[in-house]
Amino acid sequence: MIWLLLKSWTRSKEGYELFADMGEKMNFPGVKNAKVSKVFHTAKQKMLLLFDYGDEWRFIVQYLEDGDLRGMKLPALLDSKGKAPDQYGDFFDEDDESES
């Protein structure tokens, strides 16, 4: 099931695009004003989060349930697998050195 979700993301009928928020014409609305309560329709629903269009980091995000969040620092990460990589590694450091 997860493999199918990852493989077929380009054929999705529902989505939210960062570039739509930047004024580009996209197939889906922007992400900045997307609310969890409107995006997820049922408990246990899953969506693919595609982070960094160049590297295509893919994450499965699952809506678990509504809950009392008073006193909880948000956003909260409930579960993860493995060690998170550096977001851009040494990419920007190399560019900075070449400009000096």
N, C-alpha and C. Protein backbone atom coordinates (compact mmCIF):
# COMPACT_ATOMS: atom_id res chain seq x y z
N MET A 1 0.83 -1.20 0.00
CA MET A 1 0.00 0.00 0.00
C MET A 1 0.87 1.26 0.00
N ILE A 2 1.87 1.32 0.88
CA ILE A 2 2.74 2.50 0.94
C ILE A 2 3.49 2.65 -0.38
N TRP A 3 3.98 1.55 -0.93
CA TRP A 3 4.70 1.59 -2.19
C TRP A 3 3.81 2.19 -3.28
N LEU A 4 2.55 1.80 -3.32
CA LEU A 4 1.62 2.30 -4.32
C LEU A 4 1.40 3.80 -4.14
N LEU A 5 1.27 4.24 -2.90
CA LEU A 5 1.09 5.67 -2.62
C LEU A 5 2.31 6.47 -3.09
N LEU A 6 3.49 5.95 -2.84
CA LEU A 6 4.71 6.64 -3.26
C LEU A 6 4.86 6.65 -4.77
N LYS A 7 4.53 5.55 -5.41
CA LYS A 7 4.72 5.41 -6.85
C LYS A 7 3.74 6.26 -7.66
N SER A 8 2.52 6.41 -7.18
CA SER A 8 1.48 7.05 -7.99
C SER A 8 1.19 8.50 -7.60
N TRP A 9 2.11 9.17 -6.92
CA TRP A 9 1.82 10.52 -6.45
C TRP A 9 1.56 11.50 -7.58
N THR A 10 2.12 11.27 -8.75
CA THR A 10 1.92 12.20 -9.86
C THR A 10 0.51 12.12 -10.44
N ARG A 11 -0.21 11.06 -10.13
CA ARG A 11 -1.58 10.91 -10.63
C ARG A 11 -2.63 11.28 -9.59
N SER A 12 -2.22 11.89 -8.51
CA SER A 12 -3.13 12.23 -7.43
C SER A 12 -4.21 13.20 -7.89
N LYS A 13 -5.42 13.01 -7.37
CA LYS A 13 -6.54 13.90 -7.68
C LYS A 13 -6.67 14.99 -6.62
N GLU A 14 -5.91 14.87 -5.54
CA GLU A 14 -5.94 15.86 -4.47
C GLU A 14 -4.51 16.22 -4.11
N GLY A 15 -4.26 17.51 -3.91
CA GLY A 15 -2.91 17.93 -3.56
C GLY A 15 -2.88 19.40 -3.21
N TYR A 16 -1.73 19.84 -2.77
CA TYR A 16 -1.51 21.22 -2.38
C TYR A 16 -0.09 21.57 -2.83
N GLU A 17 0.06 22.68 -3.53
CA GLU A 17 1.33 23.02 -4.17
C GLU A 17 1.93 24.30 -3.59
N LEU A 18 3.20 24.24 -3.21
CA LEU A 18 3.91 25.43 -2.74
C LEU A 18 3.97 26.49 -3.83
N PHE A 19 4.20 26.07 -5.06
CA PHE A 19 4.36 27.04 -6.14
C PHE A 19 3.06 27.79 -6.45
N ALA A 20 1.92 27.22 -6.10
CA ALA A 20 0.65 27.94 -6.26
C ALA A 20 0.64 29.16 -5.34
N ASP A 21 1.27 29.04 -4.17
CA ASP A 21 1.36 30.18 -3.25
C ASP A 21 2.28 31.27 -3.78
N MET A 22 3.13 30.93 -4.73
CA MET A 22 4.08 31.89 -5.30
C MET A 22 3.55 32.51 -6.59
N GLY A 23 2.28 32.23 -6.91
CA GLY A 23 1.66 32.84 -8.08
C GLY A 23 1.72 32.04 -9.36
N GLU A 24 2.33 30.86 -9.33
CA GLU A 24 2.39 30.04 -10.54
C GLU A 24 1.09 29.27 -10.71
N LYS A 25 0.71 29.02 -11.96
CA LYS A 25 -0.50 28.25 -12.24
C LYS A 25 -0.19 26.77 -12.03
N MET A 26 -0.91 26.16 -11.10
CA MET A 26 -0.67 24.76 -10.75
C MET A 26 -1.98 23.99 -10.84
N ASN A 27 -1.90 22.68 -10.70
CA ASN A 27 -3.10 21.83 -10.73
C ASN A 27 -3.84 21.84 -9.41
N PHE A 28 -3.17 22.24 -8.33
CA PHE A 28 -3.75 22.19 -7.00
C PHE A 28 -3.62 23.54 -6.31
N PRO A 29 -4.43 23.77 -5.26
CA PRO A 29 -4.30 25.03 -4.51
C PRO A 29 -3.00 25.06 -3.70
N GLY A 30 -2.70 26.23 -3.15
CA GLY A 30 -1.49 26.41 -2.36
C GLY A 30 -1.54 25.71 -1.01
N VAL A 31 -0.38 25.60 -0.38
CA VAL A 31 -0.27 24.92 0.91
C VAL A 31 -0.39 25.87 2.09
N LYS A 32 -0.08 27.14 1.90
CA LYS A 32 0.01 28.06 3.04
C LYS A 32 -1.29 28.20 3.81
N ASN A 33 -2.41 28.16 3.14
CA ASN A 33 -3.70 28.31 3.81
C ASN A 33 -4.44 26.99 3.99
N ALA A 34 -3.78 25.88 3.68
CA ALA A 34 -4.41 24.56 3.84
C ALA A 34 -4.46 24.20 5.32
N LYS A 35 -5.64 23.89 5.80
CA LYS A 35 -5.82 23.51 7.20
C LYS A 35 -5.98 22.00 7.31
N VAL A 36 -5.38 21.43 8.33
CA VAL A 36 -5.45 19.98 8.55
C VAL A 36 -6.91 19.53 8.58
N SER A 37 -7.77 20.32 9.21
CA SER A 37 -9.18 19.93 9.33
C SER A 37 -9.89 19.86 7.97
N LYS A 38 -9.36 20.55 6.97
CA LYS A 38 -9.95 20.52 5.63
C LYS A 38 -9.25 19.52 4.71
N VAL A 39 -7.97 19.28 4.96
CA VAL A 39 -7.17 18.39 4.11
C VAL A 39 -7.47 16.93 4.39
N PHE A 40 -7.50 16.57 5.67
CA PHE A 40 -7.75 15.18 6.06
C PHE A 40 -9.23 15.03 6.37
N HIS A 41 -9.87 14.05 5.74
CA HIS A 41 -11.31 13.88 5.86
C HIS A 41 -11.71 12.79 6.84
N THR A 42 -10.82 11.83 7.08
CA THR A 42 -11.14 10.71 7.97
C THR A 42 -9.92 10.35 8.82
N ALA A 43 -10.19 9.76 9.99
CA ALA A 43 -9.10 9.27 10.83
C ALA A 43 -8.35 8.17 10.09
N LYS A 44 -7.07 8.09 10.31
CA LYS A 44 -6.16 7.10 9.70
C LYS A 44 -5.84 7.40 8.23
N GLN A 45 -6.39 8.49 7.68
CA GLN A 45 -6.10 8.85 6.29
C GLN A 45 -4.62 9.19 6.15
N LYS A 46 -4.03 8.81 5.03
CA LYS A 46 -2.62 9.07 4.76
C LYS A 46 -2.47 9.95 3.53
N MET A 47 -1.45 10.76 3.55
CA MET A 47 -1.08 11.55 2.38
C MET A 47 0.42 11.53 2.24
N LEU A 48 0.87 11.76 1.04
CA LEU A 48 2.29 11.85 0.76
C LEU A 48 2.72 13.31 0.88
N LEU A 49 3.77 13.57 1.63
CA LEU A 49 4.38 14.89 1.69
C LEU A 49 5.65 14.82 0.87
N LEU A 50 5.67 15.56 -0.21
CA LEU A 50 6.85 15.61 -1.08
C LEU A 50 7.62 16.86 -0.70
N PHE A 51 8.79 16.68 -0.11
CA PHE A 51 9.60 17.80 0.35
C PHE A 51 10.82 17.91 -0.56
N ASP A 52 11.10 19.09 -1.01
CA ASP A 52 12.25 19.36 -1.87
C ASP A 52 12.05 18.69 -3.23
N TYR A 53 11.49 19.43 -4.14
CA TYR A 53 11.17 18.87 -5.46
C TYR A 53 12.40 18.33 -6.18
N GLY A 54 13.58 18.86 -5.91
CA GLY A 54 14.80 18.37 -6.57
C GLY A 54 15.21 17.01 -6.06
N ASP A 55 15.29 16.86 -4.74
CA ASP A 55 15.71 15.59 -4.15
C ASP A 55 14.55 14.62 -3.97
N GLU A 56 13.32 15.12 -4.02
CA GLU A 56 12.11 14.31 -3.85
C GLU A 56 12.14 13.48 -2.56
N TRP A 57 12.31 14.16 -1.43
CA TRP A 57 12.18 13.46 -0.16
C TRP A 57 10.70 13.21 0.06
N ARG A 58 10.34 11.97 0.27
CA ARG A 58 8.93 11.58 0.39
C ARG A 58 8.64 11.09 1.80
N PHE A 59 7.58 11.62 2.38
CA PHE A 59 7.16 11.25 3.72
C PHE A 59 5.68 10.92 3.70
N ILE A 60 5.30 9.87 4.39
CA ILE A 60 3.88 9.55 4.55
C ILE A 60 3.40 10.24 5.83
N VAL A 61 2.39 11.07 5.70
CA VAL A 61 1.80 11.78 6.82
C VAL A 61 0.44 11.16 7.07
N GLN A 62 0.17 10.80 8.32
CA GLN A 62 -1.10 10.17 8.65
C GLN A 62 -1.82 10.97 9.72
N TYR A 63 -3.08 11.25 9.45
CA TYR A 63 -3.94 11.92 10.42
C TYR A 63 -4.48 10.84 11.36
N LEU A 64 -4.19 10.97 12.65
CA LEU A 64 -4.62 9.94 13.59
C LEU A 64 -5.99 10.23 14.18
N GLU A 65 -6.13 11.37 14.83
CA GLU A 65 -7.41 11.70 15.46
C GLU A 65 -7.36 13.12 15.99
N ASP A 66 -8.54 13.68 16.27
CA ASP A 66 -8.61 14.96 16.97
C ASP A 66 -8.25 14.71 18.42
N GLY A 67 -7.70 15.69 19.06
CA GLY A 67 -7.36 15.51 20.46
C GLY A 67 -7.20 16.84 21.16
N ASP A 68 -7.10 16.78 22.47
CA ASP A 68 -6.90 17.97 23.28
C ASP A 68 -5.42 18.32 23.24
N LEU A 69 -5.09 19.44 22.66
CA LEU A 69 -3.70 19.83 22.48
C LEU A 69 -3.26 20.92 23.44
N ARG A 70 -4.10 21.25 24.40
CA ARG A 70 -3.72 22.31 25.35
C ARG A 70 -2.44 21.92 26.07
N GLY A 71 -1.50 22.86 26.12
CA GLY A 71 -0.24 22.64 26.81
C GLY A 71 0.79 21.89 25.99
N MET A 72 0.43 21.44 24.80
CA MET A 72 1.36 20.69 23.96
C MET A 72 2.06 21.66 23.00
N LYS A 73 3.37 21.55 22.89
CA LYS A 73 4.12 22.39 21.97
C LYS A 73 3.93 21.84 20.55
N LEU A 74 3.52 22.71 19.63
CA LEU A 74 3.25 22.29 18.26
C LEU A 74 4.22 22.94 17.30
N PRO A 75 4.54 22.34 16.19
CA PRO A 75 4.08 21.01 15.78
C PRO A 75 4.80 19.93 16.58
N ALA A 76 4.15 18.78 16.68
CA ALA A 76 4.70 17.66 17.45
C ALA A 76 4.95 16.48 16.53
N LEU A 77 6.13 15.91 16.59
CA LEU A 77 6.47 14.72 15.83
C LEU A 77 6.20 13.52 16.72
N LEU A 78 5.31 12.64 16.29
CA LEU A 78 4.92 11.50 17.11
C LEU A 78 5.75 10.26 16.84
N ASP A 79 6.28 10.12 15.63
CA ASP A 79 7.03 8.92 15.29
C ASP A 79 7.96 9.23 14.12
N SER A 80 9.08 8.55 14.07
CA SER A 80 9.99 8.70 12.94
C SER A 80 10.77 7.41 12.76
N LYS A 81 11.37 7.27 11.60
CA LYS A 81 12.19 6.09 11.28
C LYS A 81 13.56 6.58 10.84
N GLY A 82 14.61 6.11 11.48
CA GLY A 82 15.97 6.47 11.08
C GLY A 82 16.38 7.86 11.52
N LYS A 83 17.58 8.25 11.11
CA LYS A 83 18.15 9.55 11.47
C LYS A 83 17.86 10.53 10.34
N ALA A 84 17.41 11.71 10.70
CA ALA A 84 17.11 12.74 9.70
C ALA A 84 18.40 13.26 9.08
N PRO A 85 18.45 13.37 7.76
CA PRO A 85 19.65 13.92 7.10
C PRO A 85 19.69 15.44 7.25
N ASP A 86 20.87 16.03 7.04
CA ASP A 86 20.94 17.49 6.97
C ASP A 86 20.08 17.93 5.80
N GLN A 87 19.38 19.04 5.96
CA GLN A 87 18.45 19.45 4.91
C GLN A 87 19.16 19.69 3.58
N TYR A 88 20.23 20.45 3.57
CA TYR A 88 20.92 20.72 2.32
C TYR A 88 22.40 20.36 2.37
N GLY A 89 22.84 19.69 3.41
CA GLY A 89 24.22 19.26 3.51
C GLY A 89 25.18 20.42 3.39
N ASP A 90 26.25 20.25 2.63
CA ASP A 90 27.26 21.30 2.45
C ASP A 90 27.00 22.14 1.20
N PHE A 91 25.85 21.98 0.58
CA PHE A 91 25.56 22.65 -0.68
C PHE A 91 25.78 24.15 -0.61
N PHE A 92 25.18 24.81 0.41
CA PHE A 92 25.29 26.26 0.50
C PHE A 92 26.66 26.70 0.98
N ASP A 93 27.32 25.90 1.79
CA ASP A 93 28.67 26.24 2.26
C ASP A 93 29.64 26.32 1.08
N GLU A 94 29.54 25.40 0.13
CA GLU A 94 30.42 25.40 -1.04
C GLU A 94 30.20 26.65 -1.89
N ASP A 95 28.95 27.05 -2.08
CA ASP A 95 28.65 28.24 -2.86
C ASP A 95 29.19 29.49 -2.19
N ASP A 96 29.07 29.57 -0.87
CA ASP A 96 29.55 30.74 -0.14
C ASP A 96 31.05 30.90 -0.30
N GLU A 97 31.80 29.79 -0.27
CA GLU A 97 33.25 29.83 -0.38
C GLU A 97 33.69 30.28 -1.77
N SER A 98 32.96 29.86 -2.81
CA SER A 98 33.37 30.20 -4.17
C SER A 98 33.10 31.67 -4.51
N GLU A 99 32.20 32.32 -3.76
CA GLU A 99 31.88 33.72 -4.02
C GLU A 99 32.86 34.67 -3.36
N SER A 100 33.70 34.21 -2.41
CA SER A 100 34.60 35.13 -1.71
C SER A 100 35.84 35.43 -2.50
